Amino acid sequence: MYDCHLNDFPKTSRLRFLTTDELVEILKKIKPRRALFEGWEPTLDPMLTKIADSVRSNGIHTVLLTNGYLYPPIESFDEIKVSIKALSNQVHMYYTGKSNRRVLENFKSIYKNAPEKLSAETVLIPGLVDIDEVVHVAKFISSIDPKIPLRIDCYWPIVPNTPWRAPTREEIRSAVITAHRYLENVRYLSSDAKVIGKVYNLWPIE
């Protein structure tokens, strides 16, 4: 619900879940090339494998964005992007309320089983996940394989009641340059990036 592409979000009381068949019918009509599974945490959904397999069977490239705490159904996705919040367990505990041990072990396991599908992201949050912490994440990834892609996202201060600001372009570029010492493929998303495209609701809200 906090996706930066959304201009307005309907009240949850007006929402209902689609059935898998309804979802597939919508996708057949609009014929997308890619489907990104994200938002809160997709791996918590007991229907994830069934939904992803249904989408993929219609020739759609499936991408999973996950926090990595639960091991994902890697066979159901063409790409798996793990969001490593922090390498420091103390920072990770403060940020998420959970240890990062399972996240890091799952990251290694995904690489072992499907290295061609794996990439990572982390979010630069001044005052919480600083440049030094981002570099620690890059070093961890490099210890597994320096060819694993990393995207460094800027923090977007749109979540209510959080004290952190967005990093400047200079801060995000500094993080990228430093992380690039350890990884071959580092990209970034800055806070002043222009959001391109429009969001359309493809199912009537009841």
Protein backbone atom coordinates (compact mmCIF):
# COMPACT_ATOMS: atom_id res chain seq x y z
CA MET A 1 0.00 0.00 0.00
CA TYR A 2 3.03 2.31 0.30
CA ASP A 3 4.23 1.70 -3.26
CA CYS A 4 5.61 4.94 -4.68
CA HIS A 5 3.63 4.49 -7.91
CA LEU A 6 0.24 4.67 -6.20
CA ASN A 7 -1.45 8.05 -6.09
CA ASP A 8 -4.30 6.85 -3.92
CA PHE A 9 -5.04 3.67 -2.02
CA PRO A 10 -8.59 2.51 -1.35
CA LYS A 11 -9.78 1.72 2.14
CA THR A 12 -9.05 -1.89 3.04
CA SER A 13 -12.69 -2.42 3.93
CA ARG A 14 -13.48 -2.08 0.23
CA LEU A 15 -10.98 -4.71 -0.88
CA ARG A 16 -11.24 -8.45 -1.36
CA PHE A 17 -8.80 -11.07 -2.55
CA LEU A 18 -8.93 -12.26 -6.15
CA THR A 19 -9.18 -15.94 -6.88
CA THR A 20 -6.31 -17.44 -8.86
CA ASP A 21 -8.62 -17.88 -11.85
CA GLU A 22 -9.67 -14.21 -11.71
CA LEU A 23 -6.04 -13.12 -11.57
CA VAL A 24 -5.07 -15.30 -14.53
CA GLU A 25 -8.00 -13.99 -16.58
CA ILE A 26 -6.93 -10.40 -15.94
CA LEU A 27 -3.36 -11.19 -16.96
CA LYS A 28 -4.53 -12.92 -20.14
CA LYS A 29 -6.35 -9.74 -21.16
CA ILE A 30 -3.46 -7.32 -20.59
CA LYS A 31 -0.67 -9.76 -21.58
CA PRO A 32 2.17 -8.43 -19.39
CA ARG A 33 5.76 -9.48 -20.04
CA ARG A 34 6.72 -9.55 -16.36
CA ALA A 35 4.97 -10.00 -13.03
CA LEU A 36 6.59 -8.72 -9.84
CA PHE A 37 5.55 -10.33 -6.57
CA GLU A 38 6.17 -7.80 -3.79
CA GLY A 39 4.45 -5.89 -1.01
CA TRP A 40 4.79 -6.62 2.67
CA GLU A 41 6.14 -10.17 2.24
CA PRO A 42 4.93 -12.51 -0.54
CA THR A 43 6.40 -15.69 0.98
CA LEU A 44 3.91 -15.43 3.85
CA ASP A 45 1.10 -16.20 1.41
CA PRO A 46 0.33 -19.95 1.45
CA MET A 47 -0.97 -19.58 -2.11
CA LEU A 48 2.25 -18.07 -3.47
CA THR A 49 3.49 -21.18 -5.28
CA LYS A 50 0.13 -21.86 -6.90
CA ILE A 51 -0.29 -18.25 -8.01
CA ALA A 52 3.26 -17.93 -9.33
CA ASP A 53 3.02 -21.23 -11.21
CA SER A 54 -0.28 -20.16 -12.76
CA VAL A 55 1.20 -16.83 -13.87
CA ARG A 56 4.38 -18.42 -15.19
CA SER A 57 2.48 -21.09 -17.12
CA ASN A 58 0.96 -18.26 -19.17
CA GLY A 59 4.40 -17.25 -20.45
CA ILE A 60 4.91 -14.37 -18.00
CA HIS A 61 8.37 -13.75 -16.53
CA THR A 62 8.00 -13.98 -12.74
CA VAL A 63 10.07 -11.93 -10.29
CA LEU A 64 9.99 -12.33 -6.51
CA LEU A 65 11.04 -9.56 -4.13
CA THR A 66 11.44 -11.07 -0.68
CA ASN A 67 13.03 -10.27 2.67
CA GLY A 68 14.54 -13.75 2.59
CA TYR A 69 13.36 -14.74 6.04
CA LEU A 70 11.40 -17.68 4.61
CA TYR A 71 12.97 -19.84 1.91
CA PRO A 72 11.11 -19.09 -1.33
CA PRO A 73 9.74 -21.54 -3.91
CA ILE A 74 12.61 -20.93 -6.31
CA GLU A 75 11.22 -23.22 -9.02
CA SER A 76 8.21 -20.91 -9.43
CA PHE A 77 10.23 -17.79 -10.27
CA ASP A 78 12.54 -16.64 -13.04
CA GLU A 79 14.21 -14.08 -10.78
CA ILE A 80 14.56 -13.81 -7.01
CA LYS A 81 15.64 -10.53 -5.45
CA VAL A 82 16.44 -10.71 -1.74
CA SER A 83 16.23 -7.49 0.26
CA ILE A 84 19.02 -7.62 2.83
CA LYS A 85 18.02 -4.96 5.34
CA ALA A 86 21.35 -4.92 7.22
CA LEU A 87 24.34 -7.16 7.80
CA SER A 88 24.73 -6.07 11.41
CA ASN A 89 22.40 -8.27 13.41
CA GLN A 90 21.88 -5.44 15.90
CA VAL A 91 20.73 -3.04 13.18
CA HIS A 92 18.60 -5.76 11.60
CA MET A 93 16.94 -6.53 14.93
CA TYR A 94 16.14 -2.85 15.50
CA TYR A 95 14.86 -2.46 11.92
CA THR A 96 12.76 -5.63 11.63
CA GLY A 97 12.46 -7.13 15.11
CA LYS A 98 14.13 -10.33 13.91
CA SER A 99 17.66 -11.70 13.54
CA ASN A 100 19.15 -11.70 10.05
CA ARG A 101 20.72 -15.15 10.48
CA ARG A 102 18.01 -16.96 8.52
CA VAL A 103 18.07 -14.29 5.82
CA LEU A 104 21.80 -14.67 5.23
CA GLU A 105 21.64 -18.47 5.30
CA ASN A 106 18.71 -18.51 2.87
CA PHE A 107 20.59 -16.13 0.59
CA LYS A 108 23.48 -18.58 0.45
CA SER A 109 21.11 -21.49 -0.18
CA ILE A 110 19.32 -19.71 -3.01
CA TYR A 111 22.68 -19.01 -4.63
CA LYS A 112 23.67 -22.68 -4.24
CA ASN A 113 20.45 -23.91 -5.85
CA ALA A 114 19.71 -21.18 -8.42
CA PRO A 115 22.64 -18.76 -8.79
CA GLU A 116 21.42 -17.46 -12.15
CA LYS A 117 18.16 -16.23 -10.57
CA LEU A 118 19.59 -14.41 -7.57
CA SER A 119 20.14 -10.69 -7.01
CA ALA A 120 20.03 -8.45 -3.95
CA GLU A 121 18.84 -5.08 -2.85
CA THR A 122 19.34 -2.97 0.24
CA VAL A 123 17.95 0.38 1.30
CA LEU A 124 20.16 3.32 2.29
CA ILE A 125 18.53 4.99 5.30
CA PRO A 126 20.62 7.83 6.80
CA GLY A 127 20.74 7.40 10.55
CA LEU A 128 19.82 3.71 10.44
CA VAL A 129 21.32 1.83 7.48
CA ASP A 130 24.22 4.14 6.67
CA ILE A 131 26.82 3.85 3.91
CA ASP A 132 29.08 1.71 6.11
CA GLU A 133 26.27 -0.78 6.65
CA VAL A 134 25.52 -0.90 2.92
CA VAL A 135 29.20 -1.66 2.29
CA HIS A 136 29.04 -4.51 4.82
CA VAL A 137 26.14 -5.93 2.81
CA ALA A 138 28.19 -5.63 -0.39
CA LYS A 139 31.13 -7.42 1.24
CA PHE A 140 28.87 -10.26 2.36
CA ILE A 141 27.47 -10.68 -1.15
CA SER A 142 30.97 -10.53 -2.62
CA SER A 143 32.12 -13.32 -0.29
CA ILE A 144 29.57 -15.55 -2.04
CA ASP A 145 30.05 -14.26 -5.60
CA PRO A 146 31.11 -10.75 -6.69
CA LYS A 147 28.98 -11.17 -9.82
CA ILE A 148 25.70 -11.19 -7.86
CA PRO A 149 23.89 -7.92 -8.78
CA LEU A 150 23.07 -5.42 -6.02
CA ARG A 151 20.68 -2.50 -6.22
CA ILE A 152 20.93 0.20 -3.56
CA ASP A 153 17.59 1.93 -3.05
CA CYS A 154 17.12 5.24 -1.35
CA TYR A 155 14.71 5.36 1.55
CA TRP A 156 11.44 7.06 0.61
CA PRO A 157 9.98 8.79 3.71
CA ILE A 158 6.35 7.93 2.96
CA VAL A 159 5.68 5.48 5.80
CA PRO A 160 3.93 7.30 8.68
CA ASN A 161 5.65 7.87 12.03
CA THR A 162 9.22 7.15 10.93
CA PRO A 163 12.00 9.64 11.75
CA TRP A 164 14.37 9.02 8.83
CA ARG A 165 14.98 11.19 5.81
CA ALA A 166 15.73 10.27 2.22
CA PRO A 167 19.43 10.13 1.31
CA THR A 168 20.77 12.74 -1.07
CA ARG A 169 21.92 11.81 -4.56
CA GLU A 170 25.50 12.36 -3.39
CA GLU A 171 25.03 9.91 -0.50
CA ILE A 172 23.52 7.22 -2.70
CA ARG A 173 26.25 7.67 -5.32
CA SER A 174 28.93 7.42 -2.62
CA ALA A 175 27.38 4.16 -1.43
CA VAL A 176 27.35 2.82 -4.99
CA ILE A 177 30.97 3.77 -5.66
CA THR A 178 32.14 2.13 -2.44
CA ALA A 179 30.05 -1.02 -2.93
CA HIS A 180 31.43 -1.28 -6.47
CA ARG A 181 34.84 -2.03 -4.99
CA TYR A 182 33.48 -5.42 -3.97
CA LEU A 183 30.78 -6.16 -6.54
CA GLU A 184 30.80 -6.03 -10.33
CA ASN A 185 27.17 -5.00 -10.80
CA VAL A 186 25.82 -2.23 -8.56
CA ARG A 187 22.87 -0.02 -9.45
CA TYR A 188 20.86 2.50 -7.49
CA LEU A 189 17.52 4.24 -7.21
CA SER A 190 17.71 7.80 -5.90
CA SER A 191 15.02 9.79 -4.13
CA ASP A 192 14.79 12.33 -6.95
CA ALA A 193 14.20 9.66 -9.58
CA LYS A 194 11.16 10.42 -11.69
CA VAL A 195 8.40 7.84 -11.48
CA ILE A 196 7.53 6.89 -15.05
CA GLY A 197 4.22 5.42 -16.10
CA LYS A 198 0.78 5.17 -14.56
CA VAL A 199 -0.94 2.69 -12.26
CA TYR A 200 -4.28 1.27 -13.30
CA ASN A 201 -6.72 -0.70 -11.19
CA LEU A 202 -7.56 -3.78 -13.26
CA TRP A 203 -10.29 -5.18 -11.04
CA PRO A 204 -13.41 -3.37 -9.82
CA ILE A 205 -13.29 -2.61 -6.09
CA GLU A 206 -16.30 -3.89 -4.22
